[in-house]
């Protein structure tokens, strides 16, 4: 049975995130909704090689995985190949925790955010994102809710119903034949979206 996700629409008027700030940098924020395409080659040796493009096909980001490493890692690059964020998986984590650091750093002062499963066993994707200044981690700053089977998700601002972004898998004969996973992502502008 198909899971229904809310349409991407601006939050109700008068609704704002408290103290909106760019998470990575202002150059990655937009004042308008942004539609992106995320493509991953299915038959690759490495794990986690994605390309993120805008509606014109311009490469905005690339995600590279690291092979043969004790600690799983992903690197977010800008379109020119400059490292923006390094995601590192916590070894031996009950909640499958990942840390996102600015650039290539591992230093605590360069931590941008932490991502954790909301519970150890999940039938549906339910992730909590905590910004670096949220050290108590009592309430998440963002929540990702989705379906592993349908390969869809919605990102919410904290525990609110305000949608920040949504993602769904594109399925066409061409995509299947060229062995790629292709996703459509819609991101809302600040203060509802995050950059």
N, C-alpha and C. Protein backbone atom coordinates (compact mmCIF):
# COMPACT_ATOMS: atom_id res chain seq x y z
N UNK A 1 0.84 -1.18 0.00
CA UNK A 1 0.00 0.00 0.00
C UNK A 1 0.88 1.24 0.00
N UNK A 2 0.59 2.17 -0.86
CA UNK A 2 1.40 3.38 -0.97
C UNK A 2 1.21 4.28 0.24
N UNK A 3 2.34 4.79 0.74
CA UNK A 3 2.27 5.71 1.88
C UNK A 3 2.09 7.11 1.33
N UNK A 4 1.18 7.87 1.93
CA UNK A 4 0.91 9.23 1.48
C UNK A 4 1.80 10.20 2.25
N UNK A 5 2.48 11.07 1.52
CA UNK A 5 3.27 12.12 2.14
C UNK A 5 2.66 13.45 1.77
N UNK A 6 2.67 14.40 2.70
CA UNK A 6 2.09 15.71 2.41
C UNK A 6 2.81 16.39 1.25
N UNK A 7 2.07 17.17 0.49
CA UNK A 7 2.67 17.93 -0.61
C UNK A 7 3.61 18.99 -0.04
N UNK A 8 4.64 19.30 -0.81
CA UNK A 8 5.57 20.34 -0.39
C UNK A 8 4.90 21.68 -0.59
N UNK A 9 4.66 22.36 0.49
CA UNK A 9 4.01 23.67 0.44
C UNK A 9 4.56 24.51 1.57
N UNK A 10 4.57 25.82 1.41
CA UNK A 10 5.05 26.66 2.49
C UNK A 10 4.27 26.42 3.78
N UNK A 11 4.94 26.63 4.90
CA UNK A 11 4.28 26.51 6.20
C UNK A 11 3.19 27.57 6.28
N UNK A 12 2.20 27.35 7.12
CA UNK A 12 1.13 28.34 7.25
C UNK A 12 1.69 29.72 7.59
N UNK A 13 1.03 30.76 7.08
CA UNK A 13 1.53 32.11 7.33
C UNK A 13 1.61 32.37 8.83
N UNK A 14 2.65 33.07 9.23
CA UNK A 14 2.87 33.35 10.63
C UNK A 14 3.67 32.28 11.34
N UNK A 15 3.90 31.10 10.67
CA UNK A 15 4.68 30.03 11.27
C UNK A 15 6.13 30.21 10.85
N UNK A 16 7.03 30.26 11.82
CA UNK A 16 8.45 30.40 11.52
C UNK A 16 9.25 29.52 12.44
N UNK A 17 10.38 29.05 11.94
CA UNK A 17 11.31 28.36 12.81
C UNK A 17 11.94 29.39 13.72
N UNK A 18 12.19 28.99 14.95
CA UNK A 18 12.84 29.92 15.87
C UNK A 18 14.30 30.09 15.47
N UNK A 19 14.74 31.34 15.39
CA UNK A 19 16.13 31.68 15.10
C UNK A 19 16.71 30.90 13.92
N UNK A 20 16.11 31.02 12.72
CA UNK A 20 16.64 30.26 11.58
C UNK A 20 18.07 30.70 11.26
N UNK A 21 18.95 29.72 11.08
CA UNK A 21 20.34 30.00 10.72
C UNK A 21 20.76 29.02 9.64
N UNK A 22 21.69 29.43 8.79
CA UNK A 22 22.19 28.48 7.80
C UNK A 22 23.00 27.39 8.51
N UNK A 23 22.79 26.16 8.14
CA UNK A 23 23.49 25.06 8.79
C UNK A 23 24.89 24.90 8.22
N UNK A 24 25.02 24.98 6.93
CA UNK A 24 26.33 24.83 6.29
C UNK A 24 26.88 26.19 5.88
N UNK A 25 26.08 27.01 5.26
CA UNK A 25 26.50 28.34 4.83
C UNK A 25 25.40 29.03 4.06
N UNK A 26 25.43 30.37 4.06
CA UNK A 26 24.38 31.14 3.39
C UNK A 26 24.34 30.90 1.89
N UNK A 27 25.47 30.54 1.28
CA UNK A 27 25.45 30.32 -0.17
C UNK A 27 24.64 29.09 -0.56
N UNK A 28 24.27 28.26 0.43
CA UNK A 28 23.46 27.08 0.15
C UNK A 28 22.01 27.29 0.55
N UNK A 29 21.61 28.52 0.84
CA UNK A 29 20.24 28.86 1.17
C UNK A 29 19.58 29.56 -0.01
N UNK A 30 18.28 29.38 -0.16
CA UNK A 30 17.54 30.04 -1.25
C UNK A 30 16.28 30.67 -0.68
N UNK A 31 15.83 31.72 -1.32
CA UNK A 31 14.61 32.41 -0.90
C UNK A 31 13.38 31.88 -1.63
N UNK A 32 13.54 30.79 -2.35
CA UNK A 32 12.47 30.19 -3.14
C UNK A 32 12.60 28.67 -3.05
N UNK A 33 11.52 27.93 -3.32
CA UNK A 33 11.61 26.47 -3.31
C UNK A 33 12.60 25.99 -4.36
N UNK A 34 13.34 24.94 -4.03
CA UNK A 34 14.35 24.39 -4.93
C UNK A 34 14.03 22.92 -5.20
N UNK A 35 13.99 22.56 -6.48
CA UNK A 35 13.81 21.17 -6.88
C UNK A 35 15.15 20.62 -7.34
N UNK A 36 15.51 19.47 -6.80
CA UNK A 36 16.79 18.85 -7.11
C UNK A 36 16.58 17.42 -7.57
N UNK A 37 17.58 16.89 -8.25
CA UNK A 37 17.59 15.50 -8.67
C UNK A 37 18.82 14.86 -8.05
N UNK A 38 18.63 13.72 -7.40
CA UNK A 38 19.75 12.98 -6.79
C UNK A 38 19.86 11.66 -7.53
N UNK A 39 21.04 11.39 -8.09
CA UNK A 39 21.26 10.18 -8.88
C UNK A 39 22.39 9.37 -8.28
N UNK A 40 22.15 8.07 -8.13
CA UNK A 40 23.18 7.14 -7.66
C UNK A 40 23.27 6.00 -8.64
N UNK A 41 24.48 5.68 -9.07
CA UNK A 41 24.69 4.51 -9.91
C UNK A 41 24.44 3.27 -9.07
N UNK A 42 23.66 2.33 -9.57
CA UNK A 42 23.33 1.12 -8.83
C UNK A 42 24.51 0.16 -8.81
N UNK A 43 25.14 -0.07 -9.91
CA UNK A 43 26.23 -1.05 -10.02
C UNK A 43 27.59 -0.37 -9.86
N UNK A 44 27.92 0.06 -8.63
CA UNK A 44 29.22 0.66 -8.37
C UNK A 44 29.93 -0.12 -7.28
N UNK A 45 31.25 -0.05 -7.29
CA UNK A 45 32.06 -0.74 -6.28
C UNK A 45 31.98 0.02 -4.97
N UNK A 46 32.04 1.34 -5.04
CA UNK A 46 32.00 2.14 -3.81
C UNK A 46 30.57 2.29 -3.32
N UNK A 47 30.45 2.67 -2.07
CA UNK A 47 29.13 2.83 -1.45
C UNK A 47 28.89 4.31 -1.21
N UNK A 48 27.87 4.87 -1.84
CA UNK A 48 27.51 6.25 -1.54
C UNK A 48 27.96 7.27 -2.55
N UNK A 49 28.06 6.94 -3.83
CA UNK A 49 28.42 7.93 -4.84
C UNK A 49 27.16 8.48 -5.48
N UNK A 50 26.85 9.74 -5.16
CA UNK A 50 25.65 10.41 -5.63
C UNK A 50 26.03 11.71 -6.33
N UNK A 51 25.17 12.15 -7.24
CA UNK A 51 25.30 13.47 -7.86
C UNK A 51 23.98 14.20 -7.65
N UNK A 52 24.04 15.43 -7.16
CA UNK A 52 22.85 16.24 -6.92
C UNK A 52 22.86 17.38 -7.93
N UNK A 53 21.79 17.48 -8.73
CA UNK A 53 21.71 18.49 -9.78
C UNK A 53 20.44 19.31 -9.63
N UNK A 54 20.47 20.55 -10.18
CA UNK A 54 19.25 21.36 -10.19
C UNK A 54 18.41 20.97 -11.40
N UNK A 55 17.29 21.67 -11.61
CA UNK A 55 16.38 21.30 -12.70
C UNK A 55 16.98 21.53 -14.07
N UNK A 56 18.07 22.31 -14.16
CA UNK A 56 18.74 22.54 -15.43
C UNK A 56 19.85 21.54 -15.69
N UNK A 57 20.07 20.61 -14.75
CA UNK A 57 21.12 19.61 -14.90
C UNK A 57 22.48 20.06 -14.39
N UNK A 58 22.55 21.24 -13.79
CA UNK A 58 23.81 21.74 -13.23
C UNK A 58 24.12 20.99 -11.94
N UNK A 59 25.33 20.42 -11.86
CA UNK A 59 25.73 19.69 -10.67
C UNK A 59 25.93 20.68 -9.53
N UNK A 60 25.18 20.49 -8.45
CA UNK A 60 25.26 21.36 -7.27
C UNK A 60 26.15 20.71 -6.22
N UNK A 61 25.96 19.40 -5.99
CA UNK A 61 26.73 18.65 -5.00
C UNK A 61 27.09 17.28 -5.55
N UNK A 62 28.11 16.70 -4.95
CA UNK A 62 28.46 15.29 -5.17
C UNK A 62 28.67 14.69 -3.79
N UNK A 63 28.33 13.41 -3.66
CA UNK A 63 28.58 12.69 -2.42
C UNK A 63 29.44 11.49 -2.76
N UNK A 64 30.58 11.38 -2.10
CA UNK A 64 31.50 10.28 -2.33
C UNK A 64 31.60 9.43 -1.08
N UNK A 65 31.60 8.12 -1.24
CA UNK A 65 31.78 7.20 -0.13
C UNK A 65 33.24 6.80 -0.03
N UNK A 66 33.63 6.34 1.14
CA UNK A 66 35.02 5.91 1.35
C UNK A 66 35.05 4.40 1.43
N UNK A 67 35.90 3.78 0.61
CA UNK A 67 36.06 2.33 0.60
C UNK A 67 37.09 1.87 1.61
N UNK A 68 36.96 0.63 2.03
CA UNK A 68 37.97 -0.03 2.86
C UNK A 68 38.35 0.79 4.08
N UNK A 69 37.38 1.18 4.85
CA UNK A 69 37.61 1.99 6.04
C UNK A 69 36.94 1.34 7.23
N UNK A 70 37.56 1.46 8.40
CA UNK A 70 36.96 0.94 9.62
C UNK A 70 35.68 1.71 9.93
N UNK A 71 35.73 3.02 9.71
CA UNK A 71 34.59 3.89 9.99
C UNK A 71 33.96 4.33 8.68
N UNK A 72 32.66 4.06 8.51
CA UNK A 72 31.96 4.46 7.28
C UNK A 72 31.96 5.98 7.19
N UNK A 73 32.14 6.48 5.98
CA UNK A 73 32.28 7.93 5.79
C UNK A 73 31.73 8.34 4.44
N UNK A 74 31.13 9.52 4.39
CA UNK A 74 30.66 10.14 3.15
C UNK A 74 31.20 11.56 3.13
N UNK A 75 31.52 12.03 1.93
CA UNK A 75 32.04 13.39 1.78
C UNK A 75 31.12 14.14 0.82
N UNK A 76 30.60 15.28 1.27
CA UNK A 76 29.77 16.15 0.45
C UNK A 76 30.68 17.18 -0.20
N UNK A 77 30.67 17.22 -1.52
CA UNK A 77 31.48 18.16 -2.30
C UNK A 77 30.57 19.14 -3.01
N UNK A 78 31.06 20.34 -3.26
CA UNK A 78 30.28 21.26 -4.10
C UNK A 78 30.47 20.85 -5.55
N UNK A 79 29.81 21.53 -6.46
CA UNK A 79 29.89 21.19 -7.88
C UNK A 79 31.29 21.24 -8.45
N UNK A 80 32.18 22.05 -7.85
CA UNK A 80 33.56 22.17 -8.31
C UNK A 80 34.47 21.12 -7.68
N UNK A 81 33.94 20.32 -6.75
CA UNK A 81 34.75 19.27 -6.13
C UNK A 81 35.38 19.66 -4.81
N UNK A 82 35.01 20.80 -4.23
CA UNK A 82 35.54 21.23 -2.94
C UNK A 82 34.77 20.56 -1.81
N UNK A 83 35.49 20.06 -0.81
CA UNK A 83 34.84 19.41 0.33
C UNK A 83 34.07 20.43 1.16
N UNK A 84 32.80 20.12 1.41
CA UNK A 84 31.96 20.99 2.21
C UNK A 84 31.70 20.37 3.58
N UNK A 85 31.30 19.09 3.57
CA UNK A 85 30.93 18.39 4.80
C UNK A 85 31.47 16.96 4.73
N UNK A 86 31.95 16.47 5.87
CA UNK A 86 32.34 15.07 6.00
C UNK A 86 31.40 14.43 7.00
N UNK A 87 30.74 13.35 6.58
CA UNK A 87 29.84 12.58 7.45
C UNK A 87 30.57 11.33 7.90
N UNK A 88 30.63 11.12 9.20
CA UNK A 88 31.31 9.95 9.76
C UNK A 88 30.34 9.17 10.63
N UNK A 89 30.32 7.85 10.42
CA UNK A 89 29.47 6.99 11.24
C UNK A 89 30.16 6.69 12.55
N UNK A 90 29.40 6.74 13.63
CA UNK A 90 29.93 6.37 14.94
C UNK A 90 30.07 4.86 14.99
N UNK A 91 31.22 4.38 15.40
CA UNK A 91 31.45 2.95 15.51
C UNK A 91 30.69 2.42 16.72
N UNK A 92 30.05 1.27 16.57
CA UNK A 92 29.33 0.61 17.66
C UNK A 92 28.24 1.50 18.25
N UNK A 93 27.33 1.96 17.42
CA UNK A 93 26.25 2.84 17.86
C UNK A 93 24.92 2.10 17.81
N UNK A 94 24.21 2.07 18.92
CA UNK A 94 22.91 1.39 18.97
C UNK A 94 21.88 2.08 18.08
N UNK A 95 21.99 3.40 17.94
CA UNK A 95 21.02 4.16 17.15
C UNK A 95 21.56 4.57 15.79
N UNK A 96 22.62 3.88 15.32
CA UNK A 96 23.20 4.15 13.99
C UNK A 96 23.44 5.66 13.82
N UNK A 97 24.38 6.19 14.59
CA UNK A 97 24.64 7.62 14.66
C UNK A 97 25.69 8.05 13.64
N UNK A 98 25.43 9.19 13.00
CA UNK A 98 26.38 9.81 12.07
C UNK A 98 26.66 11.23 12.55
N UNK A 99 27.91 11.68 12.37
CA UNK A 99 28.31 13.05 12.70
C UNK A 99 28.68 13.77 11.42
N UNK A 100 28.25 15.01 11.28
CA UNK A 100 28.57 15.83 10.11
C UNK A 100 29.48 16.96 10.55
N UNK A 101 30.67 17.03 9.93
CA UNK A 101 31.67 18.05 10.26
C UNK A 101 31.91 18.96 9.06
N UNK A 102 32.26 20.20 9.34
CA UNK A 102 32.61 21.16 8.30
C UNK A 102 33.90 20.69 7.61
N UNK A 103 33.90 20.69 6.28
CA UNK A 103 35.09 20.33 5.50
C UNK A 103 35.58 18.92 5.79
N UNK A 104 36.87 18.78 6.09
CA UNK A 104 37.47 17.47 6.36
C UNK A 104 37.74 17.27 7.84
N UNK A 105 37.26 18.15 8.66
CA UNK A 105 37.54 18.15 10.09
C UNK A 105 36.90 16.98 10.83
N UNK A 106 37.47 16.65 11.98
CA UNK A 106 36.88 15.71 12.94
C UNK A 106 36.77 16.40 14.30
N UNK A 107 37.08 17.68 14.32
CA UNK A 107 37.13 18.44 15.57
C UNK A 107 35.73 18.78 16.08
N UNK A 108 35.52 18.68 17.39
CA UNK A 108 34.20 18.99 17.96
C UNK A 108 33.70 20.40 17.62
N UNK A 109 34.59 21.37 17.51
CA UNK A 109 34.15 22.73 17.20
C UNK A 109 33.72 22.89 15.74
N UNK A 110 33.97 21.90 14.89
CA UNK A 110 33.52 21.92 13.50
C UNK A 110 32.30 21.03 13.25
N UNK A 111 31.75 20.46 14.34
CA UNK A 111 30.55 19.64 14.21
C UNK A 111 29.39 20.52 13.77
N UNK A 112 28.68 20.09 12.71
CA UNK A 112 27.51 20.81 12.21
C UNK A 112 26.22 20.23 12.76
N UNK A 113 26.11 18.89 12.70
CA UNK A 113 24.92 18.22 13.21
C UNK A 113 25.20 16.73 13.41
N UNK A 114 24.27 16.08 14.13
CA UNK A 114 24.32 14.65 14.39
C UNK A 114 23.00 14.06 13.91
N UNK A 115 23.06 12.87 13.30
CA UNK A 115 21.86 12.17 12.83
C UNK A 115 21.79 10.82 13.53
N UNK A 116 20.61 10.50 14.10
CA UNK A 116 20.42 9.24 14.81
C UNK A 116 19.08 8.64 14.44
N UNK A 117 19.01 7.31 14.44
CA UNK A 117 17.72 6.66 14.35
C UNK A 117 16.97 6.97 15.63
N UNK A 118 15.67 7.18 15.53
CA UNK A 118 14.88 7.50 16.72
C UNK A 118 14.76 6.31 17.65
N UNK A 119 14.88 5.09 17.11
CA UNK A 119 14.88 3.88 17.93
C UNK A 119 15.79 2.85 17.25
N UNK A 120 16.20 1.84 18.02
CA UNK A 120 17.15 0.86 17.48
C UNK A 120 16.54 0.01 16.38
N UNK A 121 15.28 -0.38 16.51
CA UNK A 121 14.63 -1.22 15.51
C UNK A 121 13.55 -0.39 14.83
N UNK A 122 13.61 -0.35 13.49
CA UNK A 122 12.65 0.47 12.75
C UNK A 122 12.10 -0.30 11.55
N UNK A 123 10.80 -0.20 11.37
CA UNK A 123 10.17 -0.71 10.16
C UNK A 123 10.05 0.39 9.11
N UNK A 124 10.00 1.63 9.58
CA UNK A 124 9.98 2.80 8.70
C UNK A 124 11.14 3.69 9.10
N UNK A 125 11.63 4.46 8.16
CA UNK A 125 12.72 5.39 8.47
C UNK A 125 12.20 6.46 9.41
N UNK A 126 12.91 6.67 10.49
CA UNK A 126 12.57 7.73 11.43
C UNK A 126 13.88 8.20 12.06
N UNK A 127 14.41 9.29 11.52
CA UNK A 127 15.70 9.80 11.96
C UNK A 127 15.53 11.14 12.66
N UNK A 128 16.37 11.38 13.64
CA UNK A 128 16.38 12.67 14.33
C UNK A 128 17.70 13.36 14.04
N UNK A 129 17.61 14.64 13.70
CA UNK A 129 18.79 15.46 13.40
C UNK A 129 18.92 16.51 14.50
N UNK A 130 20.11 16.57 15.10
CA UNK A 130 20.39 17.53 16.16
C UNK A 130 21.50 18.45 15.70
N UNK A 131 21.24 19.75 15.67
CA UNK A 131 22.28 20.71 15.32
C UNK A 131 23.34 20.72 16.42
N UNK A 132 24.55 21.16 16.07
CA UNK A 132 25.68 21.09 16.99
C UNK A 132 25.42 21.80 18.32
N UNK A 133 24.67 22.91 18.29
CA UNK A 133 24.42 23.64 19.54
C UNK A 133 23.34 22.99 20.41
N UNK A 134 22.70 21.95 19.92
CA UNK A 134 21.67 21.21 20.66
C UNK A 134 22.34 20.03 21.37
N UNK A 135 23.18 20.32 22.36
CA UNK A 135 23.99 19.29 23.00
C UNK A 135 23.19 18.35 23.89
N UNK A 136 22.05 18.78 24.43
CA UNK A 136 21.23 17.91 25.28
C UNK A 136 20.47 16.87 24.47
N UNK A 137 20.18 17.17 23.21
CA UNK A 137 19.48 16.27 22.30
C UNK A 137 18.16 15.75 22.89
N UNK A 138 17.45 16.63 23.61
CA UNK A 138 16.15 16.25 24.16
C UNK A 138 15.05 16.34 23.10
N UNK A 139 15.14 17.36 22.24
CA UNK A 139 14.18 17.54 21.14
C UNK A 139 15.00 17.73 19.86
N UNK A 140 14.64 17.00 18.82
CA UNK A 140 15.41 17.09 17.57
C UNK A 140 15.13 18.43 16.87
N UNK A 141 16.10 18.88 16.09
CA UNK A 141 15.95 20.10 15.30
C UNK A 141 15.23 19.81 13.98
N UNK A 142 15.44 18.60 13.45
CA UNK A 142 14.76 18.14 12.24
C UNK A 142 14.43 16.67 12.43
N UNK A 143 13.37 16.23 11.75
CA UNK A 143 12.96 14.84 11.82
C UNK A 143 12.76 14.36 10.39
N UNK A 144 13.30 13.20 10.08
CA UNK A 144 13.15 12.59 8.76
C UNK A 144 12.27 11.36 8.93
N UNK A 145 11.14 11.35 8.23
CA UNK A 145 10.19 10.24 8.31
C UNK A 145 9.97 9.71 6.91
N UNK A 146 10.08 8.39 6.76
CA UNK A 146 9.91 7.86 5.41
C UNK A 146 9.64 6.39 5.37
N UNK A 147 9.71 5.85 4.18
CA UNK A 147 9.47 4.44 3.92
C UNK A 147 10.69 3.85 3.23
N UNK A 148 11.31 2.85 3.87
CA UNK A 148 12.46 2.17 3.24
C UNK A 148 12.01 1.52 1.93
N UNK A 149 10.83 0.85 1.97
CA UNK A 149 10.34 0.11 0.83
C UNK A 149 10.04 1.02 -0.36
N UNK A 150 9.35 2.13 -0.11
CA UNK A 150 8.96 3.04 -1.19
C UNK A 150 10.06 4.03 -1.55
N UNK A 151 11.09 4.11 -0.72
CA UNK A 151 12.23 5.01 -0.94
C UNK A 151 11.75 6.46 -1.04
N UNK A 152 10.97 6.85 -0.05
CA UNK A 152 10.46 8.21 0.05
C UNK A 152 10.67 8.72 1.47
N UNK A 153 10.76 10.03 1.63
CA UNK A 153 10.84 10.59 2.97
C UNK A 153 10.43 12.06 2.96
N UNK A 154 10.08 12.55 4.16
CA UNK A 154 9.75 13.94 4.38
C UNK A 154 10.61 14.43 5.53
N UNK A 155 11.17 15.64 5.41
CA UNK A 155 11.95 16.24 6.48
C UNK A 155 11.09 17.32 7.12
N UNK A 156 10.94 17.24 8.44
CA UNK A 156 10.15 18.20 9.19
C UNK A 156 11.06 19.04 10.08
N UNK A 157 10.61 20.25 10.38
CA UNK A 157 11.31 21.12 11.33
C UNK A 157 10.96 20.61 12.73
N UNK A 158 11.92 19.98 13.40
CA UNK A 158 11.71 19.45 14.75
C UNK A 158 10.53 18.51 14.82
N UNK A 159 9.75 18.63 15.87
CA UNK A 159 8.55 17.80 16.03
C UNK A 159 7.31 18.48 15.48
N UNK A 160 7.50 19.53 14.69
CA UNK A 160 6.37 20.28 14.13
C UNK A 160 5.87 19.63 12.85
N UNK A 161 4.71 20.05 12.35
CA UNK A 161 4.22 19.55 11.07
C UNK A 161 4.80 20.34 9.87
N UNK A 162 5.71 21.29 10.13
CA UNK A 162 6.27 22.13 9.07
C UNK A 162 7.27 21.35 8.24
N UNK A 163 6.98 21.22 6.95
CA UNK A 163 7.83 20.46 6.04
C UNK A 163 8.98 21.33 5.56
N UNK A 164 10.18 20.75 5.64
CA UNK A 164 11.40 21.42 5.17
C UNK A 164 11.73 20.92 3.77
N UNK A 165 11.58 19.61 3.55
CA UNK A 165 11.90 19.01 2.25
C UNK A 165 11.18 17.67 2.13
N UNK A 166 11.11 17.17 0.89
CA UNK A 166 10.55 15.84 0.65
C UNK A 166 11.35 15.19 -0.47
N UNK A 167 11.42 13.87 -0.43
CA UNK A 167 12.16 13.12 -1.43
C UNK A 167 11.34 11.92 -1.87
N UNK A 168 11.37 11.61 -3.15
CA UNK A 168 10.71 10.41 -3.66
C UNK A 168 11.52 9.84 -4.81
N UNK A 169 11.44 8.54 -4.96
CA UNK A 169 12.18 7.86 -6.02
C UNK A 169 11.48 8.05 -7.36
N UNK A 170 12.27 8.40 -8.38
CA UNK A 170 11.74 8.47 -9.74
C UNK A 170 11.90 7.09 -10.35
N UNK A 171 10.89 6.62 -11.06
CA UNK A 171 10.97 5.32 -11.71
C UNK A 171 10.49 5.45 -13.15
N UNK A 172 11.40 5.28 -14.07
CA UNK A 172 11.06 5.24 -15.49
C UNK A 172 11.82 4.08 -16.11
N UNK A 173 11.40 3.65 -17.28
CA UNK A 173 12.09 2.57 -17.98
C UNK A 173 13.54 2.97 -18.24
N UNK A 174 13.79 4.20 -18.65
CA UNK A 174 15.14 4.66 -18.93
C UNK A 174 16.02 4.58 -17.68
N UNK A 175 15.51 5.00 -16.54
CA UNK A 175 16.28 4.97 -15.29
C UNK A 175 16.62 3.53 -14.92
N UNK A 176 15.65 2.62 -15.06
CA UNK A 176 15.89 1.21 -14.73
C UNK A 176 16.92 0.60 -15.68
N UNK A 177 16.82 0.90 -16.98
CA UNK A 177 17.74 0.33 -17.96
C UNK A 177 19.17 0.81 -17.79
N UNK A 178 19.37 2.04 -17.36
CA UNK A 178 20.74 2.55 -17.20
C UNK A 178 21.27 2.33 -15.78
N UNK A 179 20.55 1.52 -14.99
CA UNK A 179 20.99 1.10 -13.67
C UNK A 179 21.35 2.26 -12.75
N UNK A 180 20.42 3.15 -12.56
CA UNK A 180 20.63 4.27 -11.65
C UNK A 180 19.46 4.39 -10.70
N UNK A 181 19.77 4.78 -9.47
CA UNK A 181 18.72 5.20 -8.55
C UNK A 181 18.58 6.70 -8.76
N UNK A 182 17.36 7.17 -8.97
CA UNK A 182 17.12 8.57 -9.27
C UNK A 182 16.00 9.07 -8.36
N UNK A 183 16.28 10.14 -7.62
CA UNK A 183 15.34 10.67 -6.66
C UNK A 183 15.04 12.13 -6.97
N UNK A 184 13.81 12.53 -6.68
CA UNK A 184 13.39 13.92 -6.80
C UNK A 184 13.33 14.49 -5.39
N UNK A 185 13.96 15.66 -5.19
CA UNK A 185 13.99 16.29 -3.88
C UNK A 185 13.47 17.71 -4.02
N UNK A 186 12.53 18.09 -3.17
CA UNK A 186 12.02 19.46 -3.12
C UNK A 186 12.37 20.06 -1.78
N UNK A 187 13.00 21.23 -1.79
CA UNK A 187 13.43 21.90 -0.56
C UNK A 187 12.76 23.25 -0.47
N UNK A 188 12.20 23.55 0.70
CA UNK A 188 11.58 24.85 0.91
C UNK A 188 12.62 25.90 1.27
N UNK A 189 12.31 27.16 1.02
CA UNK A 189 13.26 28.23 1.33
C UNK A 189 13.36 28.51 2.83
N UNK A 190 14.44 29.18 3.22
CA UNK A 190 14.57 29.67 4.59
C UNK A 190 13.44 30.66 4.83
N UNK A 191 12.83 30.77 5.98
CA UNK A 191 13.23 30.10 7.22
C UNK A 191 12.69 28.70 7.36
N UNK A 192 11.94 28.17 6.36
CA UNK A 192 11.36 26.84 6.50
C UNK A 192 12.35 25.78 6.09
N UNK A 193 13.17 26.04 5.09
CA UNK A 193 14.19 25.10 4.64
C UNK A 193 15.50 25.40 5.32
N UNK A 194 16.47 24.56 5.12
CA UNK A 194 17.77 24.72 5.77
C UNK A 194 18.87 24.69 4.74
N UNK A 195 19.86 25.57 4.88
CA UNK A 195 20.97 25.61 3.93
C UNK A 195 22.26 25.26 4.56
